[in-house]
């Protein structure tokens, strides 16, 4: 009987603790989102910017598909961190720690045209300031919105930006086409193919047999357009791949 009562008391205490924790999390989330919408300072690429205890949240609307680079002119005199969000600051993209007196801020991440990105500087002391700047660099093929136009041939998927590589192909004539990295690399590749837009994939491959390479074969009509996505899910290295008509 005592054991049952003890378990009931423990369960009650645990439920109460979870309620308090849930309330704190919701309150913190609401407070953070309010600060995001009310206090985020809009910035432009290339300008010199200042972060201090009163201005920690910034936002930027990407004008191109490519990479955004955040950098500071000097090292921080305190330990701090930079958080990058998108989607009204609800999706964390990057969290970078900056060590006292040793590191300059150096953060880079892929961006899509028209997407709004938020930058939050955390851990600064009251009188701490950091001079920083934002650079936007267009990168062709980093998004389904700006794929590299190709025809049949051999290509190199370069994942140095640590994101997927996108291509668009228009079949010059009807036939069966192969898209493959087989025999061209030892990297662990991952492939998706879409129709005219990047909705639901019409074919995919992340391994063929016991290999780590990818291959799909598709029947295309003349003039049909395909989006080809080489994913960086398993590697950020570069590798060769080929698109060819086989029948």
Protein backbone atom coordinates (compact mmCIF):
# COMPACT_ATOMS: atom_id res chain seq x y z
CA UNK A 1 0.00 0.00 0.00
CA UNK A 2 2.82 2.40 0.89
CA UNK A 3 4.53 1.54 -2.38
CA UNK A 4 1.37 2.42 -4.35
CA UNK A 5 0.95 5.73 -2.49
CA UNK A 6 4.60 6.59 -3.05
CA UNK A 7 4.29 5.89 -6.78
CA UNK A 8 1.12 8.02 -6.98
CA UNK A 9 2.87 10.93 -5.20
CA UNK A 10 5.90 10.65 -7.48
CA UNK A 11 3.67 10.57 -10.56
CA UNK A 12 1.79 13.63 -9.33
CA UNK A 13 5.03 15.52 -8.70
CA UNK A 14 6.36 14.55 -12.12
CA UNK A 15 3.16 15.75 -13.83
CA UNK A 16 3.38 19.06 -11.95
CA UNK A 17 7.03 19.49 -12.94
CA UNK A 18 6.20 18.79 -16.60
CA UNK A 19 3.41 21.38 -16.49
CA UNK A 20 5.83 24.01 -15.14
CA UNK A 21 8.44 23.11 -17.74
CA UNK A 22 5.89 23.23 -20.56
CA UNK A 23 4.69 26.64 -19.37
CA UNK A 24 8.26 27.97 -19.26
CA UNK A 25 9.04 26.67 -22.74
CA UNK A 26 5.87 28.15 -24.24
CA UNK A 27 6.47 31.47 -22.46
CA UNK A 28 10.07 31.62 -23.68
CA UNK A 29 9.03 30.73 -27.22
CA UNK A 30 6.31 33.40 -27.25
CA UNK A 31 8.72 36.00 -25.83
CA UNK A 32 11.39 35.08 -28.39
CA UNK A 33 8.97 35.25 -31.33
CA UNK A 34 7.64 38.61 -30.09
CA UNK A 35 11.19 39.97 -29.95
CA UNK A 36 11.82 38.60 -33.43
CA UNK A 37 8.89 40.38 -35.04
CA UNK A 38 9.17 43.55 -32.96
CA UNK A 39 12.92 44.09 -32.69
CA UNK A 40 14.66 42.47 -35.68
CA UNK A 41 16.65 45.13 -37.54
CA UNK A 42 16.56 44.84 -41.33
CA UNK A 43 20.06 44.89 -42.87
CA UNK A 44 21.50 45.08 -46.38
CA UNK A 45 24.47 43.18 -47.80
CA UNK A 46 27.84 44.91 -47.64
CA UNK A 47 27.08 47.49 -44.96
CA UNK A 48 29.05 47.72 -41.71
CA UNK A 49 26.83 46.71 -38.79
CA UNK A 50 27.03 46.94 -35.01
CA UNK A 51 25.64 44.47 -32.51
CA UNK A 52 25.27 45.50 -28.87
CA UNK A 53 23.09 44.66 -25.87
CA UNK A 54 20.18 46.63 -27.37
CA UNK A 55 20.48 45.35 -30.93
CA UNK A 56 20.97 41.59 -31.07
CA UNK A 57 18.35 40.46 -33.59
CA UNK A 58 18.72 41.21 -37.31
CA UNK A 59 17.00 40.02 -40.48
CA UNK A 60 17.90 39.85 -44.15
CA UNK A 61 15.88 38.97 -47.26
CA UNK A 62 18.02 37.06 -49.76
CA UNK A 63 18.08 38.55 -53.25
CA UNK A 64 19.75 35.51 -54.85
CA UNK A 65 20.06 31.76 -54.43
CA UNK A 66 23.56 31.14 -53.10
CA UNK A 67 25.53 31.61 -49.89
CA UNK A 68 25.34 34.16 -47.07
CA UNK A 69 28.55 34.91 -45.18
CA UNK A 70 28.60 36.64 -41.78
CA UNK A 71 31.92 38.02 -40.57
CA UNK A 72 33.26 40.30 -37.82
CA UNK A 73 36.11 42.79 -37.98
CA UNK A 74 37.56 41.77 -34.62
CA UNK A 75 37.47 39.02 -32.02
CA UNK A 76 34.87 39.14 -29.26
CA UNK A 77 36.03 40.11 -25.76
CA UNK A 78 33.42 37.69 -24.34
CA UNK A 79 32.20 34.21 -25.18
CA UNK A 80 29.11 34.50 -27.38
CA UNK A 81 27.24 32.67 -30.12
CA UNK A 82 25.46 33.48 -33.37
CA UNK A 83 22.22 31.71 -34.22
CA UNK A 84 20.76 31.76 -37.74
CA UNK A 85 17.05 31.08 -38.28
CA UNK A 86 14.54 31.19 -41.09
CA UNK A 87 10.75 30.94 -41.34
CA UNK A 88 9.88 33.65 -38.78
CA UNK A 89 12.83 32.44 -36.69
CA UNK A 90 11.29 29.01 -36.07
CA UNK A 91 13.84 26.84 -37.92
CA UNK A 92 17.44 26.87 -36.69
CA UNK A 93 19.95 26.66 -39.56
CA UNK A 94 23.28 27.42 -37.86
CA UNK A 95 24.57 27.87 -34.33
CA UNK A 96 28.17 29.07 -34.15
CA UNK A 97 30.10 29.66 -30.92
CA UNK A 98 32.64 32.48 -30.70
CA UNK A 99 35.35 32.12 -28.04
CA UNK A 100 36.60 35.06 -26.00
CA UNK A 101 39.58 36.94 -27.51
CA UNK A 102 40.34 34.14 -29.96
CA UNK A 103 37.72 33.95 -32.70
CA UNK A 104 36.27 36.27 -35.26
CA UNK A 105 32.77 35.51 -36.43
CA UNK A 106 32.86 33.43 -39.61
CA UNK A 107 29.49 31.88 -40.45
CA UNK A 108 28.26 30.81 -43.88
CA UNK A 109 25.14 28.99 -45.02
CA UNK A 110 23.09 28.45 -48.21
CA UNK A 111 20.20 30.80 -48.96
CA UNK A 112 17.23 30.93 -51.32
CA UNK A 113 15.97 33.99 -53.16
CA UNK A 114 13.13 35.74 -51.30
CA UNK A 115 13.68 33.83 -48.04
CA UNK A 116 14.03 35.92 -44.86
CA UNK A 117 16.86 34.95 -42.50
CA UNK A 118 17.24 36.02 -38.86
CA UNK A 119 20.52 36.40 -36.94
CA UNK A 120 20.55 36.43 -33.15
CA UNK A 121 23.66 37.26 -31.12
CA UNK A 122 23.59 35.62 -27.70
CA UNK A 123 25.87 35.87 -24.66
CA UNK A 124 27.07 39.47 -25.06
CA UNK A 125 27.78 41.44 -21.91
CA UNK A 126 26.01 44.77 -21.37
CA UNK A 127 28.81 46.92 -22.75
CA UNK A 128 30.03 44.47 -25.40
CA UNK A 129 29.84 45.47 -29.09
CA UNK A 130 30.86 43.68 -32.27
CA UNK A 131 31.30 45.16 -35.73
CA UNK A 132 30.11 42.73 -38.38
CA UNK A 133 28.99 42.54 -41.98
CA UNK A 134 26.94 40.34 -44.31
CA UNK A 135 27.95 39.25 -47.80
CA UNK A 136 25.65 37.47 -50.24
CA UNK A 137 27.24 35.32 -52.95
CA UNK A 138 25.13 33.86 -55.78
CA UNK A 139 25.82 30.17 -56.49
CA UNK A 140 24.32 28.55 -59.58
CA UNK A 141 22.69 25.17 -58.95
CA UNK A 142 22.40 25.47 -55.17
CA UNK A 143 18.59 25.40 -55.30
CA UNK A 144 15.75 24.05 -57.42
CA UNK A 145 15.04 27.72 -58.13
CA UNK A 146 18.32 28.24 -60.02
CA UNK A 147 19.36 24.85 -61.49
CA UNK A 148 22.27 24.47 -63.90
CA UNK A 149 21.02 23.80 -67.44
CA UNK A 150 22.62 20.70 -68.95
CA UNK A 151 22.36 18.32 -71.88
CA UNK A 152 23.57 14.74 -72.21
CA UNK A 153 27.14 14.47 -70.94
CA UNK A 154 29.41 14.00 -67.93
CA UNK A 155 29.40 16.50 -65.03
CA UNK A 156 30.84 17.11 -61.55
CA UNK A 157 28.55 17.56 -58.55
CA UNK A 158 30.43 19.97 -56.27
CA UNK A 159 29.14 19.99 -52.68
CA UNK A 160 31.76 22.42 -51.36
CA UNK A 161 28.91 24.70 -50.22
CA UNK A 162 27.59 21.77 -48.15
CA UNK A 163 24.25 21.66 -49.92
CA UNK A 164 22.56 19.83 -52.78
CA UNK A 165 23.43 20.31 -56.46
CA UNK A 166 20.54 20.98 -58.86
CA UNK A 167 20.41 20.59 -62.66
CA UNK A 168 17.68 20.88 -65.30
CA UNK A 169 17.62 18.77 -68.47
CA UNK A 170 15.36 18.97 -71.50
CA UNK A 171 15.18 15.82 -73.61
CA UNK A 172 16.04 16.67 -77.22
CA UNK A 173 14.35 13.52 -78.45
CA UNK A 174 12.14 10.79 -77.07
CA UNK A 175 13.93 7.81 -75.58
CA UNK A 176 15.29 6.14 -72.48
CA UNK A 177 17.79 8.14 -70.45
CA UNK A 178 20.21 7.09 -67.72
CA UNK A 179 21.41 9.33 -64.87
CA UNK A 180 24.21 7.66 -62.95
CA UNK A 181 27.35 7.97 -60.81
CA UNK A 182 28.14 4.26 -61.28
CA UNK A 183 31.82 3.61 -62.05
CA UNK A 184 32.64 7.32 -61.80
CA UNK A 185 33.25 7.77 -58.08
CA UNK A 186 33.72 5.99 -54.76
CA UNK A 187 31.62 8.57 -52.90
CA UNK A 188 28.30 7.63 -51.28
CA UNK A 189 25.92 9.42 -53.66
CA UNK A 190 22.19 10.11 -53.44
CA UNK A 191 20.01 11.06 -56.41
CA UNK A 192 16.47 12.41 -56.89
CA UNK A 193 14.73 13.24 -60.16
CA UNK A 194 11.63 15.45 -60.50
CA UNK A 195 9.37 16.64 -63.28
CA UNK A 196 9.12 20.30 -64.27
CA UNK A 197 9.19 21.43 -60.61
CA UNK A 198 10.62 20.10 -57.36
CA UNK A 199 7.44 18.62 -55.97
CA UNK A 200 7.23 14.84 -55.58
CA UNK A 201 10.21 12.95 -57.00
CA UNK A 202 9.52 10.62 -59.93
CA UNK A 203 12.67 8.55 -59.35
CA UNK A 204 15.41 8.20 -56.75
CA UNK A 205 18.47 6.11 -55.91
CA UNK A 206 21.00 6.05 -53.06
CA UNK A 207 22.70 2.73 -53.85
CA UNK A 208 22.82 0.16 -56.61
CA UNK A 209 23.51 -3.41 -55.53
CA UNK A 210 26.35 -3.44 -53.03
CA UNK A 211 27.80 -0.14 -54.26
CA UNK A 212 27.27 3.31 -52.75
CA UNK A 213 26.54 4.86 -56.15
CA UNK A 214 23.24 5.93 -57.68
CA UNK A 215 21.46 5.26 -60.96
CA UNK A 216 18.00 5.85 -62.41
CA UNK A 217 16.64 5.10 -65.89
CA UNK A 218 13.72 7.11 -67.26
CA UNK A 219 11.60 7.12 -70.42
CA UNK A 220 11.29 10.70 -71.68
CA UNK A 221 9.24 12.36 -74.40
CA UNK A 222 10.80 14.95 -76.71
CA UNK A 223 10.89 18.33 -74.95
CA UNK A 224 10.26 16.87 -71.49
CA UNK A 225 12.11 18.74 -68.72
CA UNK A 226 13.59 17.01 -65.70
CA UNK A 227 15.05 18.41 -62.49
CA UNK A 228 18.05 16.43 -61.24
CA UNK A 229 19.06 16.72 -57.57
CA UNK A 230 22.32 15.26 -56.29
CA UNK A 231 21.88 15.34 -52.52
CA UNK A 232 24.67 15.93 -50.00
CA UNK A 233 22.94 13.61 -47.52
CA UNK A 234 25.96 11.27 -47.35
CA UNK A 235 28.89 13.33 -48.61
CA UNK A 236 30.08 16.91 -49.07
CA UNK A 237 32.79 15.85 -51.52
CA UNK A 238 32.78 16.37 -55.29
CA UNK A 239 32.16 13.50 -57.71
CA UNK A 240 31.49 12.82 -61.39
CA UNK A 241 28.17 11.68 -62.82
CA UNK A 242 26.72 11.13 -66.27
CA UNK A 243 23.45 11.70 -68.12
CA UNK A 244 23.02 9.84 -71.43
CA UNK A 245 20.44 8.48 -73.82
CA UNK A 246 20.65 4.69 -73.86
CA UNK A 247 17.79 3.76 -76.24
